[in-house]
Amino acid sequence: MADDADLLPAVIDVGSLTLRRPQLSDAEAIAAAIALSKLELRPWMPWLRDHVADPGFQRDRFLEVEAQWGRPGGEAAYLIERPEVAGIVGFCGIQHRHQPDTRQLGFWVRSDLTSRGHVTTAARALTAEALRLPGVVRVEIHCDEANVRSAAVARRCGYRLDRLEPHAVEAPGHTGTFMIWATTPGWAA
């Protein structure tokens, strides 16, 4: 069976947004968006450390992510862009880290661009792409039970709360319980 990397598009146009596979030249824009959004991301993102907002770190990270793009254990990462917005709007991806028939979505949006539907639009598009992959019958969104914004995205995209799971407290806002939201081809909105 082909890797997701062979089947996922490099660019996904969704109305006023474009989801685009990152390039090495995007490192500065990614670092700037993270720097702008640190306060809002820090409670939920265990990966958020001060060095993550450094363009040099983002260039090194790009090389790691690119090597695993869409492959088991990795992620098919996309920048969220809008023509009239300078820099990137946010970041999203389809993670291939669980069962062979399941993918997980991850996402974040720049702090000054929240509450405009960007993440919901991106998550809907990625859900559709993930469910088109051969053998994939389930897509999940994992978020801490206190992360009401991510839970709201899952609901708006037609996901159902599947279960609560104990989870290590890895970020300041974590409670120790994750909500696992799921959708299948018949559920997706």
N, C-alpha and C. Protein backbone atom coordinates (compact mmCIF):
# COMPACT_ATOMS: atom_id res chain seq x y z
N MET A 1 0.85 -1.19 0.00
CA MET A 1 0.00 0.00 0.00
C MET A 1 0.89 1.24 0.00
N ALA A 2 0.48 2.25 -0.72
CA ALA A 2 1.25 3.49 -0.81
C ALA A 2 1.18 4.26 0.51
N ASP A 3 2.24 5.01 0.81
CA ASP A 3 2.22 5.92 1.95
C ASP A 3 1.23 7.04 1.67
N ASP A 4 0.75 7.68 2.73
CA ASP A 4 -0.09 8.86 2.56
C ASP A 4 0.63 9.90 1.72
N ALA A 5 1.95 9.96 1.83
CA ALA A 5 2.74 10.95 1.11
C ALA A 5 2.53 10.86 -0.39
N ASP A 6 2.28 9.67 -0.88
CA ASP A 6 2.06 9.49 -2.31
C ASP A 6 0.66 9.87 -2.75
N LEU A 7 -0.25 10.02 -1.80
CA LEU A 7 -1.66 10.20 -2.12
C LEU A 7 -2.24 11.56 -1.73
N LEU A 8 -1.59 12.24 -0.81
CA LEU A 8 -2.10 13.54 -0.36
C LEU A 8 -1.59 14.66 -1.25
N PRO A 9 -2.45 15.62 -1.56
CA PRO A 9 -2.01 16.73 -2.41
C PRO A 9 -1.06 17.66 -1.66
N ALA A 10 -0.20 18.33 -2.39
CA ALA A 10 0.71 19.32 -1.79
C ALA A 10 -0.03 20.62 -1.50
N VAL A 11 -1.11 20.89 -2.23
CA VAL A 11 -1.91 22.10 -2.05
C VAL A 11 -3.38 21.71 -2.05
N ILE A 12 -4.12 22.28 -1.09
CA ILE A 12 -5.57 22.07 -1.01
C ILE A 12 -6.21 23.45 -0.97
N ASP A 13 -7.00 23.75 -1.99
CA ASP A 13 -7.71 25.04 -2.01
C ASP A 13 -9.10 24.83 -1.41
N VAL A 14 -9.43 25.65 -0.40
CA VAL A 14 -10.73 25.55 0.25
C VAL A 14 -11.32 26.96 0.38
N GLY A 15 -11.96 27.41 -0.67
CA GLY A 15 -12.56 28.73 -0.64
C GLY A 15 -11.52 29.82 -0.50
N SER A 16 -11.64 30.59 0.57
CA SER A 16 -10.72 31.71 0.76
C SER A 16 -9.38 31.29 1.37
N LEU A 17 -9.24 30.02 1.73
CA LEU A 17 -8.00 29.53 2.33
C LEU A 17 -7.28 28.57 1.40
N THR A 18 -5.98 28.51 1.56
CA THR A 18 -5.17 27.51 0.90
C THR A 18 -4.38 26.77 1.96
N LEU A 19 -4.40 25.46 1.89
CA LEU A 19 -3.55 24.62 2.74
C LEU A 19 -2.40 24.18 1.84
N ARG A 20 -1.18 24.45 2.29
CA ARG A 20 -0.02 24.21 1.44
C ARG A 20 1.08 23.52 2.22
N ARG A 21 1.66 22.52 1.59
CA ARG A 21 2.80 21.83 2.19
C ARG A 21 3.93 22.84 2.40
N PRO A 22 4.49 22.91 3.62
CA PRO A 22 5.53 23.90 3.89
C PRO A 22 6.80 23.66 3.07
N GLN A 23 7.53 24.73 2.87
CA GLN A 23 8.83 24.69 2.20
C GLN A 23 9.88 25.23 3.18
N LEU A 24 11.12 24.95 2.93
CA LEU A 24 12.19 25.44 3.79
C LEU A 24 12.15 26.96 3.92
N SER A 25 11.77 27.63 2.84
CA SER A 25 11.70 29.09 2.85
C SER A 25 10.59 29.65 3.75
N ASP A 26 9.71 28.79 4.28
CA ASP A 26 8.63 29.22 5.17
C ASP A 26 9.06 29.31 6.64
N ALA A 27 10.29 28.93 6.94
CA ALA A 27 10.73 28.86 8.34
C ALA A 27 10.53 30.17 9.09
N GLU A 28 10.85 31.28 8.47
CA GLU A 28 10.72 32.58 9.14
C GLU A 28 9.25 32.91 9.42
N ALA A 29 8.37 32.64 8.47
CA ALA A 29 6.94 32.92 8.66
C ALA A 29 6.34 32.02 9.75
N ILE A 30 6.76 30.77 9.80
CA ILE A 30 6.27 29.85 10.83
C ILE A 30 6.74 30.34 12.20
N ALA A 31 8.03 30.67 12.30
CA ALA A 31 8.58 31.16 13.57
C ALA A 31 7.86 32.43 14.02
N ALA A 32 7.57 33.33 13.10
CA ALA A 32 6.89 34.59 13.44
C ALA A 32 5.47 34.31 13.95
N ALA A 33 4.75 33.40 13.30
CA ALA A 33 3.39 33.07 13.73
C ALA A 33 3.40 32.44 15.12
N ILE A 34 4.37 31.58 15.38
CA ILE A 34 4.48 30.97 16.72
C ILE A 34 4.80 32.03 17.76
N ALA A 35 5.74 32.92 17.44
CA ALA A 35 6.11 33.98 18.39
C ALA A 35 4.91 34.85 18.73
N LEU A 36 4.09 35.16 17.73
CA LEU A 36 2.91 35.98 17.92
C LEU A 36 1.85 35.28 18.77
N SER A 37 1.88 33.95 18.78
CA SER A 37 0.80 33.16 19.38
C SER A 37 1.20 32.40 20.64
N LYS A 38 2.39 32.66 21.16
CA LYS A 38 2.91 31.88 22.29
C LYS A 38 1.95 31.81 23.47
N LEU A 39 1.38 32.93 23.87
CA LEU A 39 0.52 32.94 25.06
C LEU A 39 -0.70 32.04 24.90
N GLU A 40 -1.29 32.01 23.72
CA GLU A 40 -2.48 31.19 23.49
C GLU A 40 -2.13 29.73 23.24
N LEU A 41 -0.98 29.46 22.66
CA LEU A 41 -0.59 28.07 22.37
C LEU A 41 0.00 27.36 23.59
N ARG A 42 0.71 28.10 24.43
CA ARG A 42 1.44 27.48 25.54
C ARG A 42 0.59 26.55 26.42
N PRO A 43 -0.67 26.90 26.75
CA PRO A 43 -1.43 26.00 27.62
C PRO A 43 -1.68 24.61 27.02
N TRP A 44 -1.67 24.49 25.68
CA TRP A 44 -2.12 23.25 25.04
C TRP A 44 -1.04 22.50 24.29
N MET A 45 0.01 23.16 23.88
CA MET A 45 1.01 22.55 22.99
C MET A 45 2.29 22.19 23.74
N PRO A 46 2.50 20.90 24.00
CA PRO A 46 3.70 20.51 24.73
C PRO A 46 5.00 20.86 24.01
N TRP A 47 4.94 21.03 22.72
CA TRP A 47 6.14 21.32 21.93
C TRP A 47 6.56 22.78 22.01
N LEU A 48 5.71 23.62 22.60
CA LEU A 48 6.01 25.06 22.59
C LEU A 48 7.06 25.42 23.64
N ARG A 49 8.23 25.72 23.16
CA ARG A 49 9.34 26.21 23.98
C ARG A 49 9.86 27.47 23.29
N ASP A 50 10.59 28.29 23.99
CA ASP A 50 11.06 29.56 23.42
C ASP A 50 11.83 29.37 22.11
N HIS A 51 12.64 28.34 22.02
CA HIS A 51 13.46 28.15 20.82
C HIS A 51 12.64 27.80 19.58
N VAL A 52 11.39 27.37 19.75
CA VAL A 52 10.53 27.00 18.62
C VAL A 52 10.22 28.20 17.74
N ALA A 53 10.24 29.40 18.32
CA ALA A 53 9.95 30.62 17.55
C ALA A 53 11.20 31.17 16.86
N ASP A 54 12.25 30.40 16.78
CA ASP A 54 13.48 30.80 16.11
C ASP A 54 13.49 30.26 14.67
N PRO A 55 13.71 31.10 13.66
CA PRO A 55 13.73 30.62 12.28
C PRO A 55 14.74 29.50 12.04
N GLY A 56 15.88 29.55 12.70
CA GLY A 56 16.88 28.48 12.54
C GLY A 56 16.35 27.14 13.02
N PHE A 57 15.66 27.16 14.15
CA PHE A 57 15.05 25.94 14.65
C PHE A 57 14.01 25.44 13.65
N GLN A 58 13.20 26.35 13.12
CA GLN A 58 12.16 25.95 12.17
C GLN A 58 12.75 25.37 10.88
N ARG A 59 13.90 25.87 10.45
CA ARG A 59 14.55 25.28 9.27
C ARG A 59 14.98 23.85 9.57
N ASP A 60 15.58 23.62 10.73
CA ASP A 60 15.99 22.26 11.12
C ASP A 60 14.78 21.36 11.27
N ARG A 61 13.73 21.88 11.88
CA ARG A 61 12.49 21.12 12.08
C ARG A 61 11.86 20.75 10.74
N PHE A 62 11.93 21.66 9.79
CA PHE A 62 11.37 21.38 8.47
C PHE A 62 12.01 20.13 7.87
N LEU A 63 13.31 20.02 7.97
CA LEU A 63 14.02 18.87 7.40
C LEU A 63 13.57 17.56 8.04
N GLU A 64 13.33 17.59 9.36
CA GLU A 64 12.83 16.40 10.06
C GLU A 64 11.42 16.04 9.60
N VAL A 65 10.55 17.05 9.59
CA VAL A 65 9.15 16.82 9.22
C VAL A 65 9.05 16.37 7.76
N GLU A 66 9.81 17.00 6.91
CA GLU A 66 9.77 16.66 5.48
C GLU A 66 10.14 15.20 5.24
N ALA A 67 11.11 14.70 5.98
CA ALA A 67 11.54 13.31 5.82
C ALA A 67 10.43 12.33 6.19
N GLN A 68 9.53 12.73 7.08
CA GLN A 68 8.45 11.85 7.53
C GLN A 68 7.08 12.25 6.98
N TRP A 69 7.04 13.18 6.03
CA TRP A 69 5.77 13.72 5.54
C TRP A 69 4.85 12.60 5.05
N GLY A 70 3.73 12.41 5.76
CA GLY A 70 2.72 11.46 5.34
C GLY A 70 3.06 10.01 5.54
N ARG A 71 4.14 9.71 6.24
CA ARG A 71 4.55 8.33 6.44
C ARG A 71 4.17 7.87 7.85
N PRO A 72 4.07 6.55 8.06
CA PRO A 72 3.75 6.06 9.41
C PRO A 72 4.70 6.65 10.45
N GLY A 73 4.12 7.15 11.52
CA GLY A 73 4.89 7.79 12.57
C GLY A 73 5.07 9.28 12.35
N GLY A 74 4.71 9.76 11.18
CA GLY A 74 4.90 11.17 10.85
C GLY A 74 3.60 11.91 10.66
N GLU A 75 3.70 13.01 9.95
CA GLU A 75 2.56 13.90 9.74
C GLU A 75 2.65 14.51 8.35
N ALA A 76 1.51 14.68 7.72
CA ALA A 76 1.43 15.46 6.49
C ALA A 76 1.02 16.87 6.93
N ALA A 77 2.01 17.75 7.03
CA ALA A 77 1.80 19.10 7.57
C ALA A 77 1.43 20.08 6.46
N TYR A 78 0.57 21.03 6.82
CA TYR A 78 0.14 22.07 5.89
C TYR A 78 0.15 23.42 6.59
N LEU A 79 0.58 24.44 5.86
CA LEU A 79 0.40 25.82 6.29
C LEU A 79 -1.01 26.23 5.89
N ILE A 80 -1.65 27.05 6.72
CA ILE A 80 -2.94 27.63 6.37
C ILE A 80 -2.63 29.06 5.92
N GLU A 81 -3.05 29.40 4.70
CA GLU A 81 -2.78 30.73 4.15
C GLU A 81 -4.06 31.36 3.62
N ARG A 82 -4.02 32.67 3.60
CA ARG A 82 -5.11 33.47 3.04
C ARG A 82 -4.46 34.61 2.27
N PRO A 83 -4.85 34.86 1.04
CA PRO A 83 -4.15 35.84 0.21
C PRO A 83 -4.00 37.22 0.84
N GLU A 84 -5.02 37.68 1.55
CA GLU A 84 -4.97 39.04 2.09
C GLU A 84 -4.29 39.12 3.46
N VAL A 85 -3.77 38.01 3.97
CA VAL A 85 -3.10 37.99 5.27
C VAL A 85 -1.60 37.84 5.06
N ALA A 86 -0.84 38.76 5.63
CA ALA A 86 0.62 38.66 5.56
C ALA A 86 1.08 37.53 6.49
N GLY A 87 1.99 36.72 6.03
CA GLY A 87 2.46 35.58 6.81
C GLY A 87 1.47 34.44 6.73
N ILE A 88 1.62 33.49 7.63
CA ILE A 88 0.71 32.35 7.62
C ILE A 88 -0.41 32.56 8.62
N VAL A 89 -1.55 31.94 8.35
CA VAL A 89 -2.71 32.00 9.24
C VAL A 89 -2.53 30.99 10.37
N GLY A 90 -2.01 29.83 10.04
CA GLY A 90 -1.84 28.77 11.03
C GLY A 90 -1.21 27.55 10.42
N PHE A 91 -1.37 26.46 11.11
CA PHE A 91 -0.69 25.22 10.75
C PHE A 91 -1.66 24.08 11.06
N CYS A 92 -1.68 23.05 10.21
CA CYS A 92 -2.53 21.90 10.46
C CYS A 92 -1.87 20.67 9.84
N GLY A 93 -2.36 19.51 10.21
CA GLY A 93 -1.75 18.32 9.65
C GLY A 93 -2.56 17.07 9.91
N ILE A 94 -2.28 16.08 9.09
CA ILE A 94 -2.85 14.74 9.25
C ILE A 94 -1.73 13.87 9.80
N GLN A 95 -1.92 13.41 11.02
CA GLN A 95 -0.90 12.59 11.68
C GLN A 95 -1.20 11.12 11.49
N HIS A 96 -0.16 10.36 11.23
CA HIS A 96 -0.27 8.92 11.00
C HIS A 96 0.49 8.22 12.13
N ARG A 97 -0.10 8.24 13.33
CA ARG A 97 0.64 7.78 14.51
C ARG A 97 -0.07 6.69 15.30
N HIS A 98 -1.22 6.25 14.86
CA HIS A 98 -1.99 5.29 15.64
C HIS A 98 -2.22 4.02 14.81
N GLN A 99 -3.42 3.52 14.80
CA GLN A 99 -3.77 2.33 14.03
C GLN A 99 -3.64 2.61 12.53
N PRO A 100 -3.36 1.59 11.72
CA PRO A 100 -3.22 1.81 10.27
C PRO A 100 -4.47 2.38 9.61
N ASP A 101 -5.65 2.14 10.19
CA ASP A 101 -6.89 2.63 9.58
C ASP A 101 -7.37 3.95 10.17
N THR A 102 -6.53 4.59 11.00
CA THR A 102 -6.91 5.82 11.70
C THR A 102 -5.87 6.91 11.47
N ARG A 103 -6.35 8.13 11.29
CA ARG A 103 -5.47 9.30 11.24
C ARG A 103 -5.96 10.29 12.29
N GLN A 104 -5.06 11.16 12.72
CA GLN A 104 -5.38 12.18 13.72
C GLN A 104 -5.08 13.55 13.14
N LEU A 105 -5.95 14.51 13.40
CA LEU A 105 -5.71 15.88 12.95
C LEU A 105 -5.08 16.68 14.07
N GLY A 106 -4.21 17.60 13.69
CA GLY A 106 -3.66 18.58 14.61
C GLY A 106 -3.78 19.95 13.94
N PHE A 107 -3.90 21.00 14.74
CA PHE A 107 -4.06 22.33 14.16
C PHE A 107 -3.82 23.42 15.19
N TRP A 108 -3.46 24.58 14.69
CA TRP A 108 -3.43 25.81 15.50
C TRP A 108 -3.53 26.99 14.55
N VAL A 109 -3.98 28.11 15.08
CA VAL A 109 -4.13 29.32 14.28
C VAL A 109 -3.46 30.47 15.01
N ARG A 110 -2.95 31.40 14.24
CA ARG A 110 -2.31 32.58 14.81
C ARG A 110 -3.27 33.32 15.72
N SER A 111 -2.78 33.81 16.85
CA SER A 111 -3.63 34.43 17.88
C SER A 111 -4.46 35.60 17.37
N ASP A 112 -3.92 36.39 16.46
CA ASP A 112 -4.68 37.54 15.97
C ASP A 112 -5.70 37.17 14.91
N LEU A 113 -5.80 35.88 14.57
CA LEU A 113 -6.74 35.45 13.54
C LEU A 113 -7.72 34.38 14.03
N THR A 114 -7.90 34.28 15.35
CA THR A 114 -8.83 33.29 15.89
C THR A 114 -10.27 33.71 15.67
N SER A 115 -11.16 32.77 15.86
CA SER A 115 -12.62 33.00 15.81
C SER A 115 -13.09 33.51 14.46
N ARG A 116 -12.43 33.08 13.40
CA ARG A 116 -12.84 33.48 12.04
C ARG A 116 -13.16 32.28 11.15
N GLY A 117 -13.16 31.07 11.75
CA GLY A 117 -13.50 29.87 10.99
C GLY A 117 -12.35 29.24 10.24
N HIS A 118 -11.15 29.78 10.36
CA HIS A 118 -10.01 29.25 9.60
C HIS A 118 -9.70 27.80 9.98
N VAL A 119 -9.64 27.52 11.27
CA VAL A 119 -9.29 26.16 11.70
C VAL A 119 -10.40 25.18 11.33
N THR A 120 -11.65 25.59 11.50
CA THR A 120 -12.75 24.70 11.13
C THR A 120 -12.72 24.38 9.64
N THR A 121 -12.49 25.38 8.82
CA THR A 121 -12.39 25.16 7.37
C THR A 121 -11.24 24.21 7.04
N ALA A 122 -10.09 24.45 7.64
CA ALA A 122 -8.94 23.59 7.40
C ALA A 122 -9.19 22.17 7.90
N ALA A 123 -9.78 22.03 9.08
CA ALA A 123 -10.04 20.70 9.64
C ALA A 123 -11.05 19.93 8.79
N ARG A 124 -12.05 20.60 8.28
CA ARG A 124 -13.00 19.91 7.39
C ARG A 124 -12.30 19.40 6.13
N ALA A 125 -11.46 20.23 5.55
CA ALA A 125 -10.74 19.83 4.34
C ALA A 125 -9.80 18.65 4.62
N LEU A 126 -9.08 18.72 5.72
CA LEU A 126 -8.16 17.63 6.05
C LEU A 126 -8.90 16.35 6.42
N THR A 127 -10.04 16.48 7.07
CA THR A 127 -10.85 15.30 7.38
C THR A 127 -11.25 14.59 6.08
N ALA A 128 -11.72 15.36 5.11
CA ALA A 128 -12.11 14.77 3.83
C ALA A 128 -10.92 14.10 3.15
N GLU A 129 -9.76 14.75 3.16
CA GLU A 129 -8.57 14.15 2.55
C GLU A 129 -8.17 12.86 3.27
N ALA A 130 -8.20 12.88 4.59
CA ALA A 130 -7.81 11.70 5.36
C ALA A 130 -8.75 10.53 5.08
N LEU A 131 -10.05 10.81 5.00
CA LEU A 131 -11.02 9.74 4.76
C LEU A 131 -10.99 9.22 3.33
N ARG A 132 -10.32 9.92 2.42
CA ARG A 132 -10.14 9.44 1.05
C ARG A 132 -8.95 8.47 0.93
N LEU A 133 -8.11 8.44 1.95
CA LEU A 133 -6.94 7.57 1.90
C LEU A 133 -7.38 6.10 1.96
N PRO A 134 -6.80 5.25 1.13
CA PRO A 134 -7.18 3.82 1.14
C PRO A 134 -6.98 3.21 2.53
N GLY A 135 -8.01 2.52 2.99
CA GLY A 135 -7.92 1.82 4.27
C GLY A 135 -8.22 2.66 5.49
N VAL A 136 -8.34 3.99 5.35
CA VAL A 136 -8.63 4.85 6.50
C VAL A 136 -10.14 4.89 6.70
N VAL A 137 -10.56 4.50 7.89
CA VAL A 137 -11.99 4.48 8.20
C VAL A 137 -12.34 5.37 9.39
N ARG A 138 -11.32 6.03 9.95
CA ARG A 138 -11.56 6.83 11.15
C ARG A 138 -10.55 7.96 11.22
N VAL A 139 -11.03 9.15 11.59
CA VAL A 139 -10.16 10.29 11.83
C VAL A 139 -10.49 10.82 13.23
N GLU A 140 -9.43 11.17 13.98
CA GLU A 140 -9.61 11.62 15.35
C GLU A 140 -9.02 13.00 15.58
N ILE A 141 -9.57 13.70 16.55
CA ILE A 141 -9.00 14.92 17.09
C ILE A 141 -8.84 14.69 18.58
N HIS A 142 -7.63 14.84 19.09
CA HIS A 142 -7.35 14.67 20.51
C HIS A 142 -7.11 16.04 21.11
N CYS A 143 -7.76 16.34 22.22
CA CYS A 143 -7.50 17.60 22.92
C CYS A 143 -7.81 17.43 24.39
N ASP A 144 -7.15 18.24 25.19
CA ASP A 144 -7.42 18.21 26.62
C ASP A 144 -8.86 18.63 26.87
N GLU A 145 -9.46 18.07 27.91
CA GLU A 145 -10.87 18.39 28.18
C GLU A 145 -11.10 19.86 28.51
N ALA A 146 -10.06 20.58 28.88
CA ALA A 146 -10.20 22.02 29.15
C ALA A 146 -10.04 22.87 27.89
N ASN A 147 -9.63 22.27 26.80
CA ASN A 147 -9.40 23.01 25.56
C ASN A 147 -10.73 23.13 24.79
N VAL A 148 -11.54 24.06 25.21
CA VAL A 148 -12.88 24.20 24.64
C VAL A 148 -12.86 24.63 23.17
N ARG A 149 -11.85 25.36 22.76
CA ARG A 149 -11.80 25.80 21.36
C ARG A 149 -11.56 24.62 20.41
N SER A 150 -10.65 23.74 20.78
CA SER A 150 -10.40 22.57 19.92
C SER A 150 -11.61 21.63 19.92
N ALA A 151 -12.25 21.48 21.07
CA ALA A 151 -13.46 20.65 21.14
C ALA A 151 -14.56 21.24 20.25
N ALA A 152 -14.67 22.56 20.22
CA ALA A 152 -15.67 23.21 19.39
C ALA A 152 -15.40 22.97 17.90
N VAL A 153 -14.12 22.98 17.51
CA VAL A 153 -13.77 22.67 16.11
C VAL A 153 -14.23 21.25 15.78
N ALA A 154 -13.94 20.31 16.67
CA ALA A 154 -14.35 18.92 16.43
C ALA A 154 -15.85 18.83 16.24
N ARG A 155 -16.60 19.48 17.11
CA ARG A 155 -18.07 19.45 17.00
C ARG A 155 -18.54 20.06 15.67
N ARG A 156 -17.99 21.24 15.32
CA ARG A 156 -18.41 21.91 14.08
C ARG A 156 -18.09 21.07 12.84
N CYS A 157 -17.08 20.22 12.94
CA CYS A 157 -16.70 19.37 11.81
C CYS A 157 -17.45 18.04 11.79
N GLY A 158 -18.38 17.85 12.71
CA GLY A 158 -19.18 16.64 12.72
C GLY A 158 -18.56 15.47 13.46
N TYR A 159 -17.52 15.72 14.22
CA TYR A 159 -16.93 14.65 15.03
C TYR A 159 -17.81 14.40 16.25
N ARG A 160 -17.72 13.19 16.77
CA ARG A 160 -18.44 12.82 17.99
C ARG A 160 -17.43 12.51 19.08
N LEU A 161 -17.80 12.86 20.30
CA LEU A 161 -16.93 12.52 21.42
C LEU A 161 -16.97 11.01 21.60
N ASP A 162 -15.85 10.36 21.38
CA ASP A 162 -15.75 8.91 21.45
C ASP A 162 -15.45 8.44 22.86
N ARG A 163 -14.52 9.14 23.52
CA ARG A 163 -14.13 8.69 24.86
C ARG A 163 -13.25 9.74 25.53
N LEU A 164 -13.10 9.60 26.83
CA LEU A 164 -12.15 10.37 27.61
C LEU A 164 -11.03 9.40 27.98
N GLU A 165 -9.79 9.90 27.91
CA GLU A 165 -8.64 9.06 28.24
C GLU A 165 -7.72 9.79 29.19
N PRO A 166 -7.19 9.08 30.17
CA PRO A 166 -6.15 9.71 30.98
C PRO A 166 -4.95 10.04 30.09
N HIS A 167 -4.33 11.15 30.35
CA HIS A 167 -3.20 11.58 29.53
C HIS A 167 -2.20 12.32 30.40
N ALA A 168 -0.94 12.15 30.11
CA ALA A 168 0.09 12.86 30.87
C ALA A 168 -0.12 14.37 30.76
N VAL A 169 0.12 15.07 31.83
CA VAL A 169 0.07 16.53 31.82
C VAL A 169 1.38 17.00 31.20
N GLU A 170 1.32 17.45 29.95
CA GLU A 170 2.52 17.82 29.20
C GLU A 170 2.61 19.32 28.92
N ALA A 171 1.54 20.03 29.20
CA ALA A 171 1.51 21.48 28.95
C ALA A 171 0.75 22.12 30.11
N PRO A 172 0.97 23.41 30.34
CA PRO A 172 0.38 24.07 31.52
C PRO A 172 -1.14 24.00 31.63
N GLY A 173 -1.86 23.95 30.52
CA GLY A 173 -3.32 23.93 30.57
C GLY A 173 -3.92 22.53 30.67
N HIS A 174 -3.09 21.52 30.57
CA HIS A 174 -3.60 20.15 30.60
C HIS A 174 -4.15 19.76 31.96
N THR A 175 -5.25 19.01 31.94
CA THR A 175 -5.89 18.53 33.17
C THR A 175 -5.51 17.09 33.48
N GLY A 176 -4.98 16.38 32.49
CA GLY A 176 -4.69 14.95 32.66
C GLY A 176 -5.74 14.07 32.01
N THR A 177 -6.71 14.69 31.35
CA THR A 177 -7.74 13.92 30.64
C THR A 177 -7.89 14.49 29.23
N PHE A 178 -7.76 13.62 28.24
CA PHE A 178 -7.96 14.01 26.85
C PHE A 178 -9.33 13.56 26.37
N MET A 179 -9.94 14.40 25.54
CA MET A 179 -11.14 14.01 24.82
C MET A 179 -10.67 13.47 23.48
N ILE A 180 -11.19 12.33 23.10
CA ILE A 180 -10.90 11.74 21.79
C ILE A 180 -12.18 11.87 20.97
N TRP A 181 -12.12 12.76 19.99
CA TRP A 181 -13.24 12.99 19.08
C TRP A 181 -12.98 12.16 17.82
N ALA A 182 -14.02 11.59 17.24
CA ALA A 182 -13.83 10.73 16.08
C ALA A 182 -14.91 10.98 15.03
N THR A 183 -14.51 10.70 13.80
CA THR A 183 -15.47 10.70 12.70
C THR A 183 -15.13 9.55 11.77
N THR A 184 -16.11 9.12 11.04
CA THR A 184 -15.97 8.08 10.03
C THR A 184 -16.63 8.60 8.76
N PRO A 185 -16.48 7.91 7.64
CA PRO A 185 -17.08 8.45 6.40
C PRO A 185 -18.55 8.81 6.50
N GLY A 186 -19.34 8.09 7.24
CA GLY A 186 -20.76 8.38 7.38
C GLY A 186 -21.09 9.55 8.29
N TRP A 187 -20.12 9.97 9.12
CA TRP A 187 -20.37 11.04 10.09
C TRP A 187 -19.91 12.40 9.64
N ALA A 188 -18.89 12.47 8.82
CA ALA A 188 -18.24 13.75 8.51
C ALA A 188 -19.24 14.78 8.01
N ALA A 189 -19.11 16.00 8.53
CA ALA A 189 -20.00 17.09 8.13
C ALA A 189 -19.50 17.77 6.88
